[in-house]
């Protein structure tokens, strides 16, 4: 299991898209590979970095051994 703490930005802020790309690259993965594995066009996962796309957010998070809430907390607000 990887220590994902070093990849995480400060709490409660969404990861910058470049941070997501870097974390994937460190694990030998790519957005295109994730897209294709999910049955989408190779550019699909890149769109999830800029706007909500729950299925691909989950696939990206799974590739990073995280939850989508850790990467995009603004998209997954915690209930009061």
N, C-alpha and C. Protein backbone atom coordinates (compact mmCIF):
# COMPACT_ATOMS: atom_id res chain seq x y z
N UNK A 1 0.84 -1.18 0.00
CA UNK A 1 0.00 0.00 0.00
C UNK A 1 0.88 1.24 0.00
N UNK A 2 0.52 2.20 -0.79
CA UNK A 2 1.28 3.45 -0.88
C UNK A 2 0.90 4.39 0.24
N UNK A 3 1.86 5.23 0.63
CA UNK A 3 1.55 6.30 1.56
C UNK A 3 1.08 7.48 0.74
N UNK A 4 -0.24 7.68 0.68
CA UNK A 4 -0.81 8.72 -0.16
C UNK A 4 -0.80 10.09 0.50
N UNK A 5 -0.39 10.17 1.77
CA UNK A 5 -0.37 11.45 2.46
C UNK A 5 0.48 12.47 1.72
N UNK A 6 1.61 12.06 1.16
CA UNK A 6 2.51 13.01 0.50
C UNK A 6 1.92 13.59 -0.78
N UNK A 7 0.93 12.92 -1.34
CA UNK A 7 0.32 13.40 -2.57
C UNK A 7 -0.84 14.36 -2.32
N UNK A 8 -1.28 14.45 -1.09
CA UNK A 8 -2.51 15.18 -0.80
C UNK A 8 -2.25 16.66 -0.54
N UNK A 9 -3.05 17.53 -1.17
CA UNK A 9 -2.96 18.96 -0.88
C UNK A 9 -3.62 19.24 0.48
N UNK A 10 -3.58 20.48 0.95
CA UNK A 10 -4.22 20.79 2.23
C UNK A 10 -5.68 20.37 2.27
N UNK A 11 -6.15 20.03 3.44
CA UNK A 11 -7.53 19.57 3.62
C UNK A 11 -8.54 20.58 3.09
N UNK A 12 -9.65 20.07 2.59
CA UNK A 12 -10.80 20.85 2.14
C UNK A 12 -10.58 21.62 0.85
N UNK A 13 -9.48 21.43 0.16
CA UNK A 13 -9.34 22.06 -1.15
C UNK A 13 -9.21 20.97 -2.20
N UNK A 14 -9.83 21.22 -3.35
CA UNK A 14 -9.72 20.26 -4.44
C UNK A 14 -8.28 20.18 -4.92
N UNK A 15 -7.87 19.00 -5.34
CA UNK A 15 -6.55 18.85 -5.91
C UNK A 15 -6.48 19.65 -7.21
N UNK A 16 -5.35 20.23 -7.46
CA UNK A 16 -5.12 20.88 -8.74
C UNK A 16 -5.00 19.77 -9.79
N UNK A 17 -5.53 19.98 -11.00
CA UNK A 17 -5.43 18.94 -12.03
C UNK A 17 -4.00 18.44 -12.25
N UNK A 18 -3.01 19.32 -12.15
CA UNK A 18 -1.62 18.90 -12.33
C UNK A 18 -1.19 17.93 -11.22
N UNK A 19 -1.74 18.12 -10.02
CA UNK A 19 -1.42 17.20 -8.92
C UNK A 19 -2.01 15.82 -9.17
N UNK A 20 -3.21 15.78 -9.72
CA UNK A 20 -3.83 14.49 -10.06
C UNK A 20 -2.99 13.80 -11.13
N UNK A 21 -2.62 14.54 -12.16
CA UNK A 21 -1.80 13.96 -13.23
C UNK A 21 -0.47 13.43 -12.70
N UNK A 22 0.18 14.20 -11.83
CA UNK A 22 1.47 13.78 -11.28
C UNK A 22 1.31 12.53 -10.42
N UNK A 23 0.27 12.48 -9.61
CA UNK A 23 0.04 11.31 -8.76
C UNK A 23 -0.22 10.07 -9.60
N UNK A 24 -0.97 10.22 -10.69
CA UNK A 24 -1.22 9.09 -11.59
C UNK A 24 0.09 8.65 -12.25
N UNK A 25 0.86 9.61 -12.73
CA UNK A 25 2.12 9.29 -13.40
C UNK A 25 3.07 8.54 -12.47
N UNK A 26 3.13 8.95 -11.21
CA UNK A 26 3.98 8.28 -10.23
C UNK A 26 3.59 6.82 -10.06
N UNK A 27 2.34 6.50 -10.36
CA UNK A 27 1.86 5.12 -10.24
C UNK A 27 1.84 4.40 -11.59
N UNK A 28 2.38 5.04 -12.62
CA UNK A 28 2.42 4.41 -13.93
C UNK A 28 1.07 4.37 -14.63
N UNK A 29 0.21 5.30 -14.28
CA UNK A 29 -1.13 5.33 -14.87
C UNK A 29 -1.33 6.65 -15.62
N UNK A 30 -2.35 6.68 -16.46
CA UNK A 30 -2.66 7.89 -17.22
C UNK A 30 -4.17 8.08 -17.31
N UNK A 31 -4.56 9.32 -17.58
CA UNK A 31 -5.98 9.59 -17.76
C UNK A 31 -6.52 8.83 -18.97
N UNK A 32 -5.74 8.76 -20.04
CA UNK A 32 -6.19 8.04 -21.24
C UNK A 32 -6.40 6.56 -20.92
N UNK A 33 -5.47 5.98 -20.18
CA UNK A 33 -5.60 4.57 -19.81
C UNK A 33 -6.84 4.32 -18.96
N UNK A 34 -7.11 5.22 -18.02
CA UNK A 34 -8.30 5.10 -17.18
C UNK A 34 -9.55 5.22 -18.04
N UNK A 35 -9.57 6.21 -18.93
CA UNK A 35 -10.74 6.40 -19.82
C UNK A 35 -11.02 5.15 -20.63
N UNK A 36 -10.00 4.63 -21.28
CA UNK A 36 -10.16 3.46 -22.14
C UNK A 36 -10.62 2.25 -21.33
N UNK A 37 -10.03 2.07 -20.14
CA UNK A 37 -10.40 0.93 -19.29
C UNK A 37 -11.87 1.00 -18.87
N UNK A 38 -12.41 2.21 -18.80
CA UNK A 38 -13.82 2.40 -18.42
C UNK A 38 -14.75 2.38 -19.63
N UNK A 39 -14.18 2.24 -20.83
CA UNK A 39 -15.00 2.18 -22.04
C UNK A 39 -15.31 3.53 -22.65
N UNK A 40 -14.56 4.55 -22.26
CA UNK A 40 -14.77 5.90 -22.78
C UNK A 40 -13.69 6.27 -23.79
N UNK A 41 -13.92 7.38 -24.47
CA UNK A 41 -12.92 7.97 -25.36
C UNK A 41 -11.69 8.31 -24.52
N UNK A 42 -10.49 8.23 -25.09
CA UNK A 42 -9.27 8.49 -24.32
C UNK A 42 -9.21 9.84 -23.61
N UNK A 43 -9.94 10.82 -24.09
CA UNK A 43 -9.88 12.15 -23.45
C UNK A 43 -10.93 12.35 -22.35
N UNK A 44 -11.79 11.37 -22.14
CA UNK A 44 -12.92 11.55 -21.22
C UNK A 44 -12.49 11.85 -19.78
N UNK A 45 -11.55 11.10 -19.24
CA UNK A 45 -11.17 11.29 -17.83
C UNK A 45 -10.60 12.69 -17.59
N UNK A 46 -9.97 13.27 -18.58
CA UNK A 46 -9.45 14.63 -18.42
C UNK A 46 -10.56 15.63 -18.16
N UNK A 47 -11.72 15.37 -18.69
CA UNK A 47 -12.85 16.28 -18.46
C UNK A 47 -13.31 16.23 -17.01
N UNK A 48 -13.12 15.08 -16.35
CA UNK A 48 -13.52 14.96 -14.95
C UNK A 48 -12.63 15.79 -14.03
N UNK A 49 -11.48 16.22 -14.51
CA UNK A 49 -10.62 17.08 -13.70
C UNK A 49 -11.19 18.48 -13.60
N UNK A 50 -11.98 18.88 -14.58
CA UNK A 50 -12.50 20.25 -14.64
C UNK A 50 -13.96 20.38 -14.24
N UNK A 51 -14.73 19.30 -14.42
CA UNK A 51 -16.15 19.36 -14.05
C UNK A 51 -16.61 17.98 -13.58
N UNK A 52 -17.67 17.95 -12.79
CA UNK A 52 -18.12 16.69 -12.21
C UNK A 52 -18.47 15.62 -13.25
N UNK A 53 -17.99 14.43 -13.00
CA UNK A 53 -18.30 13.24 -13.79
C UNK A 53 -18.08 12.06 -12.84
N UNK A 54 -19.09 11.74 -12.01
CA UNK A 54 -18.91 10.77 -10.93
C UNK A 54 -18.26 9.44 -11.32
N UNK A 55 -18.63 8.87 -12.45
CA UNK A 55 -18.06 7.57 -12.82
C UNK A 55 -16.55 7.67 -13.02
N UNK A 56 -16.11 8.72 -13.69
CA UNK A 56 -14.68 8.85 -13.93
C UNK A 56 -13.94 9.40 -12.71
N UNK A 57 -14.61 10.18 -11.89
CA UNK A 57 -14.00 10.61 -10.63
C UNK A 57 -13.67 9.38 -9.80
N UNK A 58 -14.61 8.43 -9.74
CA UNK A 58 -14.40 7.19 -8.99
C UNK A 58 -13.24 6.39 -9.59
N UNK A 59 -13.17 6.30 -10.92
CA UNK A 59 -12.09 5.55 -11.57
C UNK A 59 -10.73 6.18 -11.29
N UNK A 60 -10.66 7.50 -11.36
CA UNK A 60 -9.41 8.20 -11.06
C UNK A 60 -9.02 7.97 -9.60
N UNK A 61 -9.98 8.13 -8.70
CA UNK A 61 -9.72 7.93 -7.28
C UNK A 61 -9.26 6.49 -7.01
N UNK A 62 -9.91 5.53 -7.64
CA UNK A 62 -9.51 4.14 -7.46
C UNK A 62 -8.07 3.92 -7.90
N UNK A 63 -7.69 4.55 -9.01
CA UNK A 63 -6.31 4.41 -9.51
C UNK A 63 -5.30 4.99 -8.52
N UNK A 64 -5.75 5.96 -7.71
CA UNK A 64 -4.88 6.59 -6.72
C UNK A 64 -5.07 6.00 -5.32
N UNK A 65 -5.90 4.95 -5.23
CA UNK A 65 -6.19 4.31 -3.95
C UNK A 65 -6.76 5.31 -2.94
N UNK A 66 -7.64 6.17 -3.44
CA UNK A 66 -8.30 7.18 -2.63
C UNK A 66 -9.80 7.15 -2.91
N UNK A 67 -10.53 8.05 -2.27
CA UNK A 67 -11.94 8.23 -2.59
C UNK A 67 -12.08 9.54 -3.35
N UNK A 68 -13.12 9.68 -4.18
CA UNK A 68 -13.31 10.95 -4.88
C UNK A 68 -13.43 12.13 -3.93
N UNK A 69 -14.00 11.89 -2.74
CA UNK A 69 -14.16 12.96 -1.76
C UNK A 69 -12.82 13.54 -1.31
N UNK A 70 -11.77 12.73 -1.31
CA UNK A 70 -10.44 13.22 -0.91
C UNK A 70 -9.83 14.11 -1.99
N UNK A 71 -10.15 13.82 -3.25
CA UNK A 71 -9.57 14.58 -4.37
C UNK A 71 -10.40 15.83 -4.67
N UNK A 72 -11.73 15.69 -4.62
CA UNK A 72 -12.63 16.80 -4.95
C UNK A 72 -13.61 17.06 -3.81
N UNK A 73 -13.15 17.54 -2.66
CA UNK A 73 -14.09 17.76 -1.55
C UNK A 73 -15.21 18.75 -1.86
N UNK A 74 -14.96 19.68 -2.77
CA UNK A 74 -16.02 20.65 -3.10
C UNK A 74 -17.18 19.98 -3.85
N UNK A 75 -16.92 18.86 -4.49
CA UNK A 75 -17.97 18.15 -5.24
C UNK A 75 -18.76 17.20 -4.34
N UNK A 76 -18.21 16.93 -3.16
CA UNK A 76 -18.82 15.98 -2.24
C UNK A 76 -18.92 16.62 -0.86
N UNK A 77 -19.79 17.62 -0.71
CA UNK A 77 -19.87 18.30 0.59
C UNK A 77 -20.31 17.35 1.69
N UNK A 78 -19.75 17.56 2.86
CA UNK A 78 -20.12 16.74 4.02
C UNK A 78 -21.44 17.27 4.57
N UNK A 79 -22.36 16.36 4.84
CA UNK A 79 -23.64 16.80 5.40
C UNK A 79 -23.45 17.46 6.77
N UNK A 80 -24.29 18.44 7.11
CA UNK A 80 -24.14 19.13 8.40
C UNK A 80 -24.42 18.22 9.58
